[in-house]
Amino acid sequence: MAVKRKYQSARRQDQARQTRRAILAAAGRLFVEPGYAATPLTAIAAEAGVAIQTVYATFGSKRQLLSELVDVTVAGDDEAISLPERSFVDEIRALADPRAKLERYARHLTETHARQAAVMIALAGAATADPDAAAIWQKNLDDRRRGMVMFATELARTGRLRADHDVDSAADVLWLAMDVRNYDWLVRQRAWSAERYQRWYAETVAAALLVPSGPG
C-alpha cells in the first residue's frame, strides 16, 4: 500500500505540474494578445482547458500568474534553480578572457530573448497603465540590474575594464545593452538574424567596456 500511495502521489504531482504549465502557456499567449488588462482569468482558464477554480487554486491571483509567467519565461523552465546557479553562469566564470565571457553571455541572452521577447514587450506596455504589471516590470528591471552588477564584477576581475569604467558604470552599460527592447527592435522589427544580434551585443559591449587585448 505504501508503494501504491507513493505512485499515486507522484502521479498527482505530475498532473499538477502539467496543469500549471498549461495555464502558464495560455497566459503567455493571451497576455501578449489581446493583452494583460484585456484578459480575464476566465479566458485563461478556457484557453488552458481547466476550470477557473483551478487557476485560482494554482496561482491565487492574476498578478501572481503574471509574475510566475515572467519568471518561467526568463528561466526557460519551472525548475527551482535561480539564475546565478544556472550552468551558463559557471561556464562564464570558467572563461579567463573577458571577450569570451561576453560572447558566452551573448549566446545565453539571445536564446533568452527569443523565448521571452513577446511576453516582456507586452509586460512593458501593460506597465504603463496597470499597477500590478508596473510592479512586476520594475522587479524585473531591478533583478536584471543586480545580475549585471554580478557580471560587471566578473569582468572587472579580469583586469581588462577600461580606465573610465568601474563596476557600477560597467553594470550600467551591460544593463542597457541587454534590454529586451534592443532585441525586439533589431531582430523582431528589423529582421536581424539571431547570429547578427548575438555578434552585435558582444562587439558593442566589448568596445564600450574593455581595453583592447592587442594591436588592431
N, C-alpha and C. Protein backbone atom coordinates (compact mmCIF):
# COMPACT_ATOMS: atom_id res chain seq x y z
N MET A 1 0.82 -1.20 0.00
CA MET A 1 0.00 0.00 0.00
C MET A 1 0.86 1.26 0.00
N ALA A 2 1.98 1.20 0.73
CA ALA A 2 2.86 2.36 0.77
C ALA A 2 3.40 2.68 -0.61
N VAL A 3 3.76 1.62 -1.36
CA VAL A 3 4.28 1.82 -2.72
C VAL A 3 3.20 2.42 -3.61
N LYS A 4 1.96 1.92 -3.46
CA LYS A 4 0.86 2.44 -4.26
C LYS A 4 0.59 3.90 -3.97
N ARG A 5 0.61 4.28 -2.69
CA ARG A 5 0.38 5.68 -2.33
C ARG A 5 1.48 6.56 -2.90
N LYS A 6 2.71 6.08 -2.86
CA LYS A 6 3.82 6.86 -3.40
C LYS A 6 3.65 7.07 -4.89
N TYR A 7 3.21 6.03 -5.60
CA TYR A 7 2.98 6.14 -7.04
C TYR A 7 1.86 7.13 -7.33
N GLN A 8 0.76 7.02 -6.55
CA GLN A 8 -0.36 7.92 -6.76
C GLN A 8 0.03 9.37 -6.48
N SER A 9 0.85 9.58 -5.45
CA SER A 9 1.31 10.92 -5.13
C SER A 9 2.16 11.50 -6.25
N ALA A 10 3.06 10.69 -6.79
CA ALA A 10 3.91 11.15 -7.89
C ALA A 10 3.07 11.48 -9.12
N ARG A 11 2.04 10.68 -9.36
CA ARG A 11 1.17 10.92 -10.50
C ARG A 11 0.40 12.22 -10.33
N ARG A 12 -0.10 12.47 -9.13
CA ARG A 12 -0.82 13.72 -8.87
C ARG A 12 0.10 14.92 -9.04
N GLN A 13 1.34 14.81 -8.56
CA GLN A 13 2.29 15.90 -8.71
C GLN A 13 2.57 16.19 -10.18
N ASP A 14 2.70 15.13 -10.97
CA ASP A 14 2.95 15.30 -12.39
C ASP A 14 1.76 15.95 -13.08
N GLN A 15 0.56 15.53 -12.70
CA GLN A 15 -0.64 16.12 -13.28
C GLN A 15 -0.75 17.60 -12.92
N ALA A 16 -0.43 17.92 -11.66
CA ALA A 16 -0.48 19.32 -11.22
C ALA A 16 0.53 20.17 -11.97
N ARG A 17 1.69 19.59 -12.22
CA ARG A 17 2.72 20.33 -12.95
C ARG A 17 2.30 20.56 -14.40
N GLN A 18 1.69 19.56 -15.03
CA GLN A 18 1.21 19.72 -16.39
C GLN A 18 0.09 20.77 -16.47
N THR A 19 -0.78 20.75 -15.47
CA THR A 19 -1.85 21.75 -15.43
C THR A 19 -1.27 23.15 -15.28
N ARG A 20 -0.29 23.28 -14.41
CA ARG A 20 0.37 24.57 -14.19
C ARG A 20 0.99 25.07 -15.48
N ARG A 21 1.67 24.18 -16.18
CA ARG A 21 2.31 24.57 -17.44
C ARG A 21 1.29 24.98 -18.49
N ALA A 22 0.16 24.29 -18.52
CA ALA A 22 -0.90 24.63 -19.49
C ALA A 22 -1.47 26.02 -19.20
N ILE A 23 -1.64 26.33 -17.93
CA ILE A 23 -2.16 27.65 -17.56
C ILE A 23 -1.14 28.74 -17.91
N LEU A 24 0.13 28.50 -17.62
CA LEU A 24 1.17 29.46 -17.96
C LEU A 24 1.26 29.68 -19.46
N ALA A 25 1.16 28.61 -20.23
CA ALA A 25 1.22 28.74 -21.69
C ALA A 25 0.04 29.55 -22.21
N ALA A 26 -1.15 29.30 -21.66
CA ALA A 26 -2.33 30.06 -22.06
C ALA A 26 -2.18 31.53 -21.70
N ALA A 27 -1.68 31.79 -20.50
CA ALA A 27 -1.47 33.17 -20.09
C ALA A 27 -0.44 33.86 -20.99
N GLY A 28 0.61 33.12 -21.35
CA GLY A 28 1.63 33.69 -22.24
C GLY A 28 1.05 34.11 -23.57
N ARG A 29 0.13 33.33 -24.11
CA ARG A 29 -0.49 33.71 -25.38
C ARG A 29 -1.43 34.89 -25.22
N LEU A 30 -2.28 34.85 -24.20
CA LEU A 30 -3.32 35.87 -24.06
C LEU A 30 -2.81 37.19 -23.49
N PHE A 31 -1.78 37.15 -22.65
CA PHE A 31 -1.23 38.40 -22.14
C PHE A 31 -0.51 39.18 -23.24
N VAL A 32 -0.07 38.47 -24.28
CA VAL A 32 0.53 39.14 -25.43
C VAL A 32 -0.56 39.71 -26.33
N GLU A 33 -1.57 38.93 -26.61
CA GLU A 33 -2.68 39.34 -27.46
C GLU A 33 -3.94 38.63 -27.00
N PRO A 34 -4.91 39.34 -26.46
CA PRO A 34 -5.18 40.77 -26.56
C PRO A 34 -4.47 41.67 -25.54
N GLY A 35 -3.78 41.11 -24.56
CA GLY A 35 -3.06 41.94 -23.61
C GLY A 35 -3.44 41.63 -22.17
N TYR A 36 -2.59 42.05 -21.24
CA TYR A 36 -2.80 41.73 -19.83
C TYR A 36 -4.11 42.31 -19.30
N ALA A 37 -4.31 43.60 -19.51
CA ALA A 37 -5.51 44.24 -18.96
C ALA A 37 -6.79 43.68 -19.57
N ALA A 38 -6.72 43.28 -20.82
CA ALA A 38 -7.92 42.82 -21.53
C ALA A 38 -8.21 41.34 -21.33
N THR A 39 -7.37 40.64 -20.57
CA THR A 39 -7.52 39.20 -20.41
C THR A 39 -7.98 38.84 -19.00
N PRO A 40 -9.21 38.42 -18.82
CA PRO A 40 -9.66 37.94 -17.50
C PRO A 40 -9.16 36.52 -17.26
N LEU A 41 -9.13 36.13 -16.01
CA LEU A 41 -8.69 34.77 -15.69
C LEU A 41 -9.62 33.71 -16.28
N THR A 42 -10.87 34.06 -16.47
CA THR A 42 -11.80 33.11 -17.09
C THR A 42 -11.36 32.76 -18.51
N ALA A 43 -10.82 33.75 -19.23
CA ALA A 43 -10.34 33.49 -20.59
C ALA A 43 -9.12 32.58 -20.57
N ILE A 44 -8.25 32.78 -19.59
CA ILE A 44 -7.07 31.93 -19.47
C ILE A 44 -7.48 30.50 -19.12
N ALA A 45 -8.44 30.36 -18.23
CA ALA A 45 -8.93 29.03 -17.87
C ALA A 45 -9.49 28.32 -19.10
N ALA A 46 -10.28 29.03 -19.89
CA ALA A 46 -10.86 28.43 -21.10
C ALA A 46 -9.77 28.05 -22.09
N GLU A 47 -8.79 28.92 -22.26
CA GLU A 47 -7.68 28.65 -23.19
C GLU A 47 -6.88 27.44 -22.74
N ALA A 48 -6.70 27.30 -21.44
CA ALA A 48 -5.92 26.18 -20.89
C ALA A 48 -6.73 24.90 -20.77
N GLY A 49 -8.06 25.01 -20.89
CA GLY A 49 -8.91 23.84 -20.76
C GLY A 49 -9.09 23.37 -19.34
N VAL A 50 -9.10 24.33 -18.40
CA VAL A 50 -9.28 23.98 -16.99
C VAL A 50 -10.38 24.86 -16.40
N ALA A 51 -10.83 24.51 -15.21
CA ALA A 51 -11.84 25.31 -14.52
C ALA A 51 -11.19 26.56 -13.93
N ILE A 52 -11.96 27.62 -13.81
CA ILE A 52 -11.44 28.85 -13.23
C ILE A 52 -10.96 28.61 -11.81
N GLN A 53 -11.64 27.70 -11.09
CA GLN A 53 -11.21 27.39 -9.72
C GLN A 53 -9.79 26.81 -9.69
N THR A 54 -9.44 26.09 -10.75
CA THR A 54 -8.09 25.51 -10.84
C THR A 54 -7.05 26.61 -11.00
N VAL A 55 -7.37 27.63 -11.78
CA VAL A 55 -6.44 28.76 -11.95
C VAL A 55 -6.21 29.45 -10.62
N TYR A 56 -7.29 29.70 -9.88
CA TYR A 56 -7.16 30.36 -8.58
C TYR A 56 -6.40 29.47 -7.59
N ALA A 57 -6.68 28.18 -7.61
CA ALA A 57 -6.01 27.26 -6.69
C ALA A 57 -4.51 27.16 -6.99
N THR A 58 -4.14 27.30 -8.26
CA THR A 58 -2.75 27.15 -8.67
C THR A 58 -1.95 28.43 -8.47
N PHE A 59 -2.56 29.58 -8.78
CA PHE A 59 -1.81 30.83 -8.75
C PHE A 59 -2.35 31.88 -7.78
N GLY A 60 -3.60 31.78 -7.41
CA GLY A 60 -4.14 32.70 -6.42
C GLY A 60 -4.69 33.99 -6.97
N SER A 61 -3.98 34.58 -7.93
CA SER A 61 -4.41 35.87 -8.47
C SER A 61 -3.81 36.06 -9.86
N LYS A 62 -4.37 37.02 -10.58
CA LYS A 62 -3.87 37.35 -11.91
C LYS A 62 -2.45 37.92 -11.83
N ARG A 63 -2.20 38.74 -10.81
CA ARG A 63 -0.86 39.31 -10.65
C ARG A 63 0.17 38.21 -10.41
N GLN A 64 -0.15 37.25 -9.56
CA GLN A 64 0.80 36.18 -9.29
C GLN A 64 1.04 35.32 -10.53
N LEU A 65 -0.01 35.11 -11.30
CA LEU A 65 0.14 34.37 -12.55
C LEU A 65 1.09 35.10 -13.49
N LEU A 66 0.95 36.41 -13.62
CA LEU A 66 1.85 37.19 -14.46
C LEU A 66 3.28 37.12 -13.95
N SER A 67 3.44 37.25 -12.63
CA SER A 67 4.77 37.21 -12.04
C SER A 67 5.46 35.88 -12.32
N GLU A 68 4.73 34.79 -12.15
CA GLU A 68 5.34 33.47 -12.37
C GLU A 68 5.56 33.21 -13.85
N LEU A 69 4.70 33.76 -14.71
CA LEU A 69 4.91 33.63 -16.15
C LEU A 69 6.22 34.30 -16.55
N VAL A 70 6.47 35.49 -16.01
CA VAL A 70 7.72 36.19 -16.32
C VAL A 70 8.91 35.37 -15.84
N ASP A 71 8.85 34.85 -14.63
CA ASP A 71 9.96 34.05 -14.09
C ASP A 71 10.25 32.83 -14.95
N VAL A 72 9.22 32.12 -15.33
CA VAL A 72 9.40 30.89 -16.12
C VAL A 72 9.89 31.23 -17.53
N THR A 73 9.37 32.32 -18.10
CA THR A 73 9.78 32.70 -19.44
C THR A 73 11.24 33.12 -19.47
N VAL A 74 11.68 33.84 -18.46
CA VAL A 74 13.08 34.25 -18.38
C VAL A 74 13.98 33.03 -18.19
N ALA A 75 13.60 32.15 -17.27
CA ALA A 75 14.45 30.99 -16.95
C ALA A 75 14.41 29.93 -18.04
N GLY A 76 13.27 29.80 -18.71
CA GLY A 76 13.13 28.78 -19.72
C GLY A 76 12.54 27.48 -19.22
N ASP A 77 12.32 27.38 -17.92
CA ASP A 77 11.70 26.19 -17.33
C ASP A 77 11.15 26.57 -15.96
N ASP A 78 10.52 25.59 -15.32
CA ASP A 78 9.95 25.85 -14.00
C ASP A 78 10.73 25.17 -12.88
N GLU A 79 12.00 24.89 -13.15
CA GLU A 79 12.84 24.29 -12.12
C GLU A 79 13.18 25.33 -11.04
N ALA A 80 13.31 24.86 -9.82
CA ALA A 80 13.61 25.77 -8.69
C ALA A 80 15.11 26.03 -8.61
N ILE A 81 15.64 26.61 -9.69
CA ILE A 81 17.08 26.93 -9.76
C ILE A 81 17.19 28.40 -10.12
N SER A 82 17.81 29.20 -9.26
CA SER A 82 17.94 30.63 -9.53
C SER A 82 18.91 30.85 -10.68
N LEU A 83 18.80 32.00 -11.34
CA LEU A 83 19.67 32.28 -12.49
C LEU A 83 21.16 32.23 -12.12
N PRO A 84 21.59 32.80 -10.97
CA PRO A 84 23.01 32.71 -10.64
C PRO A 84 23.53 31.29 -10.47
N GLU A 85 22.62 30.33 -10.26
CA GLU A 85 23.02 28.94 -10.08
C GLU A 85 22.91 28.13 -11.37
N ARG A 86 22.56 28.77 -12.47
CA ARG A 86 22.42 28.07 -13.74
C ARG A 86 23.79 27.75 -14.34
N SER A 87 23.81 26.73 -15.18
CA SER A 87 25.10 26.24 -15.71
C SER A 87 25.82 27.28 -16.57
N PHE A 88 25.07 28.14 -17.27
CA PHE A 88 25.73 29.11 -18.13
C PHE A 88 26.57 30.10 -17.31
N VAL A 89 26.16 30.36 -16.07
CA VAL A 89 26.93 31.25 -15.20
C VAL A 89 28.27 30.62 -14.86
N ASP A 90 28.26 29.34 -14.53
CA ASP A 90 29.51 28.63 -14.26
C ASP A 90 30.42 28.62 -15.49
N GLU A 91 29.82 28.47 -16.65
CA GLU A 91 30.61 28.48 -17.88
C GLU A 91 31.27 29.83 -18.11
N ILE A 92 30.55 30.91 -17.83
CA ILE A 92 31.13 32.25 -17.98
C ILE A 92 32.26 32.46 -17.00
N ARG A 93 32.05 32.05 -15.76
CA ARG A 93 33.09 32.21 -14.74
C ARG A 93 34.36 31.43 -15.08
N ALA A 94 34.20 30.31 -15.75
CA ALA A 94 35.35 29.45 -16.07
C ALA A 94 36.22 30.03 -17.18
N LEU A 95 35.69 31.00 -17.92
CA LEU A 95 36.45 31.59 -19.02
C LEU A 95 37.37 32.69 -18.50
N ALA A 96 38.61 32.70 -18.95
CA ALA A 96 39.58 33.69 -18.47
C ALA A 96 39.49 35.00 -19.25
N ASP A 97 39.19 34.93 -20.51
CA ASP A 97 39.19 36.12 -21.37
C ASP A 97 37.85 36.85 -21.27
N PRO A 98 37.84 38.16 -21.02
CA PRO A 98 36.57 38.88 -20.87
C PRO A 98 35.74 38.91 -22.15
N ARG A 99 36.41 38.93 -23.29
CA ARG A 99 35.67 38.91 -24.56
C ARG A 99 34.94 37.56 -24.70
N ALA A 100 35.61 36.49 -24.31
CA ALA A 100 34.96 35.18 -24.35
C ALA A 100 33.77 35.13 -23.40
N LYS A 101 33.90 35.77 -22.25
CA LYS A 101 32.77 35.84 -21.31
C LYS A 101 31.58 36.55 -21.96
N LEU A 102 31.84 37.67 -22.63
CA LEU A 102 30.77 38.41 -23.29
C LEU A 102 30.14 37.58 -24.41
N GLU A 103 30.95 36.86 -25.16
CA GLU A 103 30.41 36.04 -26.24
C GLU A 103 29.52 34.92 -25.70
N ARG A 104 29.96 34.31 -24.58
CA ARG A 104 29.12 33.26 -23.99
C ARG A 104 27.83 33.84 -23.45
N TYR A 105 27.91 35.01 -22.81
CA TYR A 105 26.69 35.63 -22.31
C TYR A 105 25.79 36.05 -23.47
N ALA A 106 26.38 36.52 -24.56
CA ALA A 106 25.59 36.92 -25.73
C ALA A 106 24.77 35.76 -26.26
N ARG A 107 25.35 34.56 -26.23
CA ARG A 107 24.60 33.38 -26.69
C ARG A 107 23.41 33.11 -25.76
N HIS A 108 23.68 33.16 -24.45
CA HIS A 108 22.60 32.97 -23.49
C HIS A 108 21.52 34.04 -23.65
N LEU A 109 21.93 35.28 -23.80
CA LEU A 109 20.98 36.39 -23.90
C LEU A 109 20.10 36.26 -25.13
N THR A 110 20.71 35.87 -26.25
CA THR A 110 19.95 35.72 -27.49
C THR A 110 18.92 34.61 -27.36
N GLU A 111 19.30 33.51 -26.76
CA GLU A 111 18.35 32.41 -26.54
C GLU A 111 17.22 32.84 -25.61
N THR A 112 17.56 33.60 -24.57
CA THR A 112 16.54 34.07 -23.62
C THR A 112 15.57 35.04 -24.29
N HIS A 113 16.09 35.99 -25.04
CA HIS A 113 15.23 36.97 -25.69
C HIS A 113 14.32 36.33 -26.73
N ALA A 114 14.83 35.33 -27.43
CA ALA A 114 13.99 34.64 -28.42
C ALA A 114 12.77 34.04 -27.74
N ARG A 115 12.94 33.61 -26.51
CA ARG A 115 11.88 32.97 -25.74
C ARG A 115 10.96 33.99 -25.07
N GLN A 116 11.51 35.09 -24.61
CA GLN A 116 10.76 35.97 -23.73
C GLN A 116 10.30 37.28 -24.36
N ALA A 117 10.79 37.62 -25.54
CA ALA A 117 10.57 38.97 -26.06
C ALA A 117 9.10 39.36 -26.14
N ALA A 118 8.28 38.49 -26.68
CA ALA A 118 6.86 38.84 -26.84
C ALA A 118 6.20 39.12 -25.49
N VAL A 119 6.47 38.26 -24.51
CA VAL A 119 5.88 38.45 -23.18
C VAL A 119 6.40 39.71 -22.52
N MET A 120 7.71 39.95 -22.62
CA MET A 120 8.30 41.10 -21.92
C MET A 120 7.89 42.42 -22.57
N ILE A 121 7.78 42.46 -23.88
CA ILE A 121 7.32 43.68 -24.55
C ILE A 121 5.87 43.95 -24.17
N ALA A 122 5.06 42.90 -24.10
CA ALA A 122 3.68 43.07 -23.65
C ALA A 122 3.63 43.57 -22.21
N LEU A 123 4.51 43.04 -21.36
CA LEU A 123 4.57 43.49 -19.96
C LEU A 123 4.97 44.95 -19.88
N ALA A 124 5.94 45.36 -20.67
CA ALA A 124 6.37 46.76 -20.66
C ALA A 124 5.22 47.68 -21.05
N GLY A 125 4.43 47.26 -22.03
CA GLY A 125 3.28 48.06 -22.43
C GLY A 125 2.22 48.10 -21.34
N ALA A 126 1.95 46.95 -20.73
CA ALA A 126 0.94 46.90 -19.67
C ALA A 126 1.36 47.73 -18.47
N ALA A 127 2.66 47.81 -18.23
CA ALA A 127 3.18 48.53 -17.06
C ALA A 127 2.89 50.02 -17.11
N THR A 128 2.60 50.55 -18.29
CA THR A 128 2.31 51.98 -18.39
C THR A 128 0.94 52.34 -17.84
N ALA A 129 0.07 51.32 -17.67
CA ALA A 129 -1.30 51.63 -17.22
C ALA A 129 -1.77 50.79 -16.05
N ASP A 130 -1.15 49.65 -15.80
CA ASP A 130 -1.63 48.74 -14.76
C ASP A 130 -0.62 48.67 -13.61
N PRO A 131 -1.03 48.96 -12.39
CA PRO A 131 -0.09 48.97 -11.25
C PRO A 131 0.56 47.62 -10.99
N ASP A 132 -0.19 46.53 -11.13
CA ASP A 132 0.40 45.21 -10.91
C ASP A 132 1.47 44.91 -11.94
N ALA A 133 1.16 45.18 -13.20
CA ALA A 133 2.15 44.97 -14.25
C ALA A 133 3.36 45.88 -14.05
N ALA A 134 3.13 47.11 -13.61
CA ALA A 134 4.23 48.04 -13.37
C ALA A 134 5.16 47.53 -12.27
N ALA A 135 4.58 46.96 -11.22
CA ALA A 135 5.39 46.44 -10.12
C ALA A 135 6.23 45.25 -10.58
N ILE A 136 5.64 44.38 -11.41
CA ILE A 136 6.38 43.22 -11.89
C ILE A 136 7.45 43.64 -12.88
N TRP A 137 7.16 44.60 -13.73
CA TRP A 137 8.16 45.14 -14.66
C TRP A 137 9.33 45.75 -13.89
N GLN A 138 9.02 46.52 -12.85
CA GLN A 138 10.09 47.14 -12.05
C GLN A 138 10.94 46.08 -11.36
N LYS A 139 10.30 45.04 -10.86
CA LYS A 139 11.05 43.95 -10.23
C LYS A 139 12.00 43.32 -11.24
N ASN A 140 11.53 43.14 -12.46
CA ASN A 140 12.39 42.57 -13.49
C ASN A 140 13.57 43.49 -13.79
N LEU A 141 13.31 44.78 -13.87
CA LEU A 141 14.40 45.74 -14.08
C LEU A 141 15.43 45.65 -12.95
N ASP A 142 14.95 45.60 -11.72
CA ASP A 142 15.85 45.52 -10.57
C ASP A 142 16.64 44.22 -10.56
N ASP A 143 15.97 43.11 -10.89
CA ASP A 143 16.66 41.82 -10.95
C ASP A 143 17.75 41.84 -12.01
N ARG A 144 17.44 42.42 -13.16
CA ARG A 144 18.44 42.48 -14.23
C ARG A 144 19.62 43.36 -13.83
N ARG A 145 19.34 44.45 -13.13
CA ARG A 145 20.42 45.32 -12.67
C ARG A 145 21.35 44.57 -11.72
N ARG A 146 20.77 43.82 -10.78
CA ARG A 146 21.60 43.05 -9.86
C ARG A 146 22.43 42.01 -10.61
N GLY A 147 21.82 41.37 -11.59
CA GLY A 147 22.56 40.40 -12.38
C GLY A 147 23.71 41.02 -13.14
N MET A 148 23.50 42.22 -13.65
CA MET A 148 24.57 42.89 -14.41
C MET A 148 25.67 43.43 -13.49
N VAL A 149 25.35 43.74 -12.24
CA VAL A 149 26.41 44.08 -11.28
C VAL A 149 27.30 42.86 -11.06
N MET A 150 26.70 41.70 -10.93
CA MET A 150 27.49 40.47 -10.79
C MET A 150 28.37 40.24 -12.01
N PHE A 151 27.81 40.46 -13.19
CA PHE A 151 28.58 40.25 -14.43
C PHE A 151 29.69 41.28 -14.55
N ALA A 152 29.39 42.54 -14.20
CA ALA A 152 30.42 43.58 -14.25
C ALA A 152 31.57 43.27 -13.30
N THR A 153 31.23 42.75 -12.12
CA THR A 153 32.25 42.35 -11.16
C THR A 153 33.13 41.25 -11.75
N GLU A 154 32.51 40.31 -12.44
CA GLU A 154 33.24 39.22 -13.09
C GLU A 154 34.19 39.77 -14.16
N LEU A 155 33.72 40.72 -14.95
CA LEU A 155 34.58 41.32 -15.97
C LEU A 155 35.71 42.13 -15.34
N ALA A 156 35.41 42.82 -14.25
CA ALA A 156 36.44 43.64 -13.59
C ALA A 156 37.58 42.78 -13.07
N ARG A 157 37.27 41.56 -12.65
CA ARG A 157 38.31 40.67 -12.11
C ARG A 157 39.36 40.31 -13.16
N THR A 158 39.02 40.44 -14.42
CA THR A 158 39.99 40.11 -15.47
C THR A 158 41.04 41.20 -15.63
N GLY A 159 40.80 42.37 -15.06
CA GLY A 159 41.75 43.48 -15.19
C GLY A 159 41.68 44.17 -16.53
N ARG A 160 40.61 43.93 -17.29
CA ARG A 160 40.55 44.48 -18.65
C ARG A 160 39.46 45.54 -18.82
N LEU A 161 38.85 46.01 -17.73
CA LEU A 161 37.91 47.12 -17.87
C LEU A 161 38.67 48.38 -18.24
N ARG A 162 38.09 49.19 -19.10
CA ARG A 162 38.69 50.48 -19.44
C ARG A 162 38.81 51.35 -18.19
N ALA A 163 39.77 52.27 -18.21
CA ALA A 163 40.04 53.10 -17.03
C ALA A 163 38.87 54.02 -16.68
N ASP A 164 38.01 54.32 -17.66
CA ASP A 164 36.88 55.22 -17.39
C ASP A 164 35.65 54.47 -16.88
N HIS A 165 35.82 53.19 -16.56
CA HIS A 165 34.71 52.42 -16.02
C HIS A 165 35.09 51.77 -14.69
N ASP A 166 34.13 51.74 -13.77
CA ASP A 166 34.23 50.91 -12.58
C ASP A 166 33.09 49.89 -12.66
N VAL A 167 32.93 49.10 -11.62
CA VAL A 167 31.89 48.07 -11.66
C VAL A 167 30.51 48.69 -11.85
N ASP A 168 30.25 49.81 -11.19
CA ASP A 168 28.93 50.41 -11.26
C ASP A 168 28.60 50.90 -12.67
N SER A 169 29.52 51.61 -13.29
CA SER A 169 29.24 52.12 -14.63
C SER A 169 29.26 51.01 -15.67
N ALA A 170 30.10 50.00 -15.46
CA ALA A 170 30.09 48.84 -16.37
C ALA A 170 28.75 48.12 -16.28
N ALA A 171 28.20 48.01 -15.07
CA ALA A 171 26.88 47.39 -14.91
C ALA A 171 25.81 48.20 -15.65
N ASP A 172 25.95 49.53 -15.66
CA ASP A 172 25.01 50.36 -16.40
C ASP A 172 25.02 50.01 -17.88
N VAL A 173 26.21 49.88 -18.44
CA VAL A 173 26.34 49.56 -19.86
C VAL A 173 25.76 48.17 -20.15
N LEU A 174 26.10 47.20 -19.33
CA LEU A 174 25.59 45.84 -19.50
C LEU A 174 24.07 45.81 -19.39
N TRP A 175 23.55 46.53 -18.42
CA TRP A 175 22.10 46.57 -18.19
C TRP A 175 21.37 47.17 -19.38
N LEU A 176 21.93 48.23 -19.94
CA LEU A 176 21.32 48.87 -21.11
C LEU A 176 21.39 47.96 -22.33
N ALA A 177 22.55 47.36 -22.54
CA ALA A 177 22.76 46.56 -23.75
C ALA A 177 21.88 45.32 -23.77
N MET A 178 21.61 44.75 -22.60
CA MET A 178 20.84 43.50 -22.59
C MET A 178 19.33 43.71 -22.59
N ASP A 179 18.87 44.96 -22.61
CA ASP A 179 17.44 45.23 -22.56
C ASP A 179 16.71 44.53 -23.70
N VAL A 180 15.60 43.89 -23.39
CA VAL A 180 14.86 43.13 -24.38
C VAL A 180 14.37 44.01 -25.52
N ARG A 181 14.22 45.31 -25.29
CA ARG A 181 13.73 46.18 -26.34
C ARG A 181 14.74 46.35 -27.46
N ASN A 182 16.05 46.18 -27.17
CA ASN A 182 17.05 46.17 -28.23
C ASN A 182 16.83 44.97 -29.15
N TYR A 183 16.61 43.81 -28.55
CA TYR A 183 16.35 42.60 -29.33
C TYR A 183 15.06 42.77 -30.13
N ASP A 184 14.04 43.31 -29.50
CA ASP A 184 12.76 43.49 -30.18
C ASP A 184 12.93 44.36 -31.43
N TRP A 185 13.67 45.43 -31.28
CA TRP A 185 13.83 46.35 -32.42
C TRP A 185 14.68 45.72 -33.52
N LEU A 186 15.82 45.15 -33.15
CA LEU A 186 16.75 44.67 -34.16
C LEU A 186 16.31 43.35 -34.81
N VAL A 187 15.84 42.41 -34.01
CA VAL A 187 15.51 41.08 -34.53
C VAL A 187 14.05 41.00 -34.97
N ARG A 188 13.13 41.39 -34.10
CA ARG A 188 11.72 41.19 -34.40
C ARG A 188 11.18 42.24 -35.37
N GLN A 189 11.72 43.46 -35.29
CA GLN A 189 11.21 44.51 -36.17
C GLN A 189 12.10 44.76 -37.39
N ARG A 190 13.42 44.72 -37.19
CA ARG A 190 14.33 45.00 -38.31
C ARG A 190 14.84 43.73 -38.98
N ALA A 191 14.40 42.57 -38.51
CA ALA A 191 14.67 41.28 -39.14
C ALA A 191 16.15 40.90 -39.15
N TRP A 192 16.91 41.35 -38.13
CA TRP A 192 18.27 40.83 -37.98
C TRP A 192 18.19 39.34 -37.63
N SER A 193 19.19 38.60 -38.04
CA SER A 193 19.27 37.21 -37.62
C SER A 193 19.70 37.15 -36.16
N ALA A 194 19.42 36.03 -35.52
CA ALA A 194 19.86 35.85 -34.14
C ALA A 194 21.38 35.92 -34.05
N GLU A 195 22.06 35.36 -35.03
CA GLU A 195 23.52 35.37 -35.03
C GLU A 195 24.06 36.79 -35.13
N ARG A 196 23.43 37.62 -35.96
CA ARG A 196 23.89 39.01 -36.09
C ARG A 196 23.67 39.78 -34.79
N TYR A 197 22.50 39.57 -34.19
CA TYR A 197 22.25 40.22 -32.90
C TYR A 197 23.26 39.78 -31.86
N GLN A 198 23.53 38.51 -31.77
CA GLN A 198 24.49 37.98 -30.80
C GLN A 198 25.86 38.60 -31.00
N ARG A 199 26.27 38.70 -32.25
CA ARG A 199 27.57 39.30 -32.57
C ARG A 199 27.58 40.79 -32.23
N TRP A 200 26.47 41.47 -32.54
CA TRP A 200 26.36 42.90 -32.22
C TRP A 200 26.51 43.13 -30.73
N TYR A 201 25.84 42.33 -29.93
CA TYR A 201 25.92 42.52 -28.48
C TYR A 201 27.36 42.38 -28.00
N ALA A 202 28.02 41.30 -28.37
CA ALA A 202 29.37 41.04 -27.87
C ALA A 202 30.34 42.12 -28.34
N GLU A 203 30.24 42.51 -29.61
CA GLU A 203 31.18 43.50 -30.14
C GLU A 203 30.91 44.89 -29.57
N THR A 204 29.65 45.25 -29.42
CA THR A 204 29.30 46.58 -28.90
C THR A 204 29.72 46.73 -27.44
N VAL A 205 29.42 45.73 -26.63
CA VAL A 205 29.76 45.82 -25.21
C VAL A 205 31.26 45.73 -25.00
N ALA A 206 31.95 44.89 -25.76
CA ALA A 206 33.40 44.80 -25.64
C ALA A 206 34.05 46.14 -25.98
N ALA A 207 33.57 46.79 -27.03
CA ALA A 207 34.13 48.10 -27.41
C ALA A 207 33.87 49.15 -26.35
N ALA A 208 32.72 49.06 -25.70
CA ALA A 208 32.37 50.07 -24.69
C ALA A 208 33.09 49.86 -23.37
N LEU A 209 33.43 48.61 -23.03
CA LEU A 209 33.90 48.33 -21.67
C LEU A 209 35.36 47.86 -21.57
N LEU A 210 35.88 47.23 -22.59
CA LEU A 210 37.16 46.53 -22.44
C LEU A 210 38.34 47.24 -23.08
N VAL A 211 39.47 47.12 -22.43
CA VAL A 211 40.73 47.56 -23.05
C VAL A 211 41.07 46.54 -24.14
N PRO A 212 41.43 47.00 -25.34
CA PRO A 212 41.79 46.05 -26.41
C PRO A 212 42.90 45.10 -25.95
N SER A 213 42.85 43.87 -26.43
CA SER A 213 43.82 42.85 -25.98
C SER A 213 45.15 42.98 -26.68
N GLY A 214 45.20 43.67 -27.80
CA GLY A 214 46.48 43.79 -28.52
C GLY A 214 46.32 44.71 -29.71
N PRO A 215 47.35 44.83 -30.54
CA PRO A 215 47.27 45.69 -31.73
C PRO A 215 46.10 45.32 -32.62
N GLY A 216 45.39 46.33 -33.12
CA GLY A 216 44.28 46.10 -34.04
C GLY A 216 43.03 45.67 -33.36
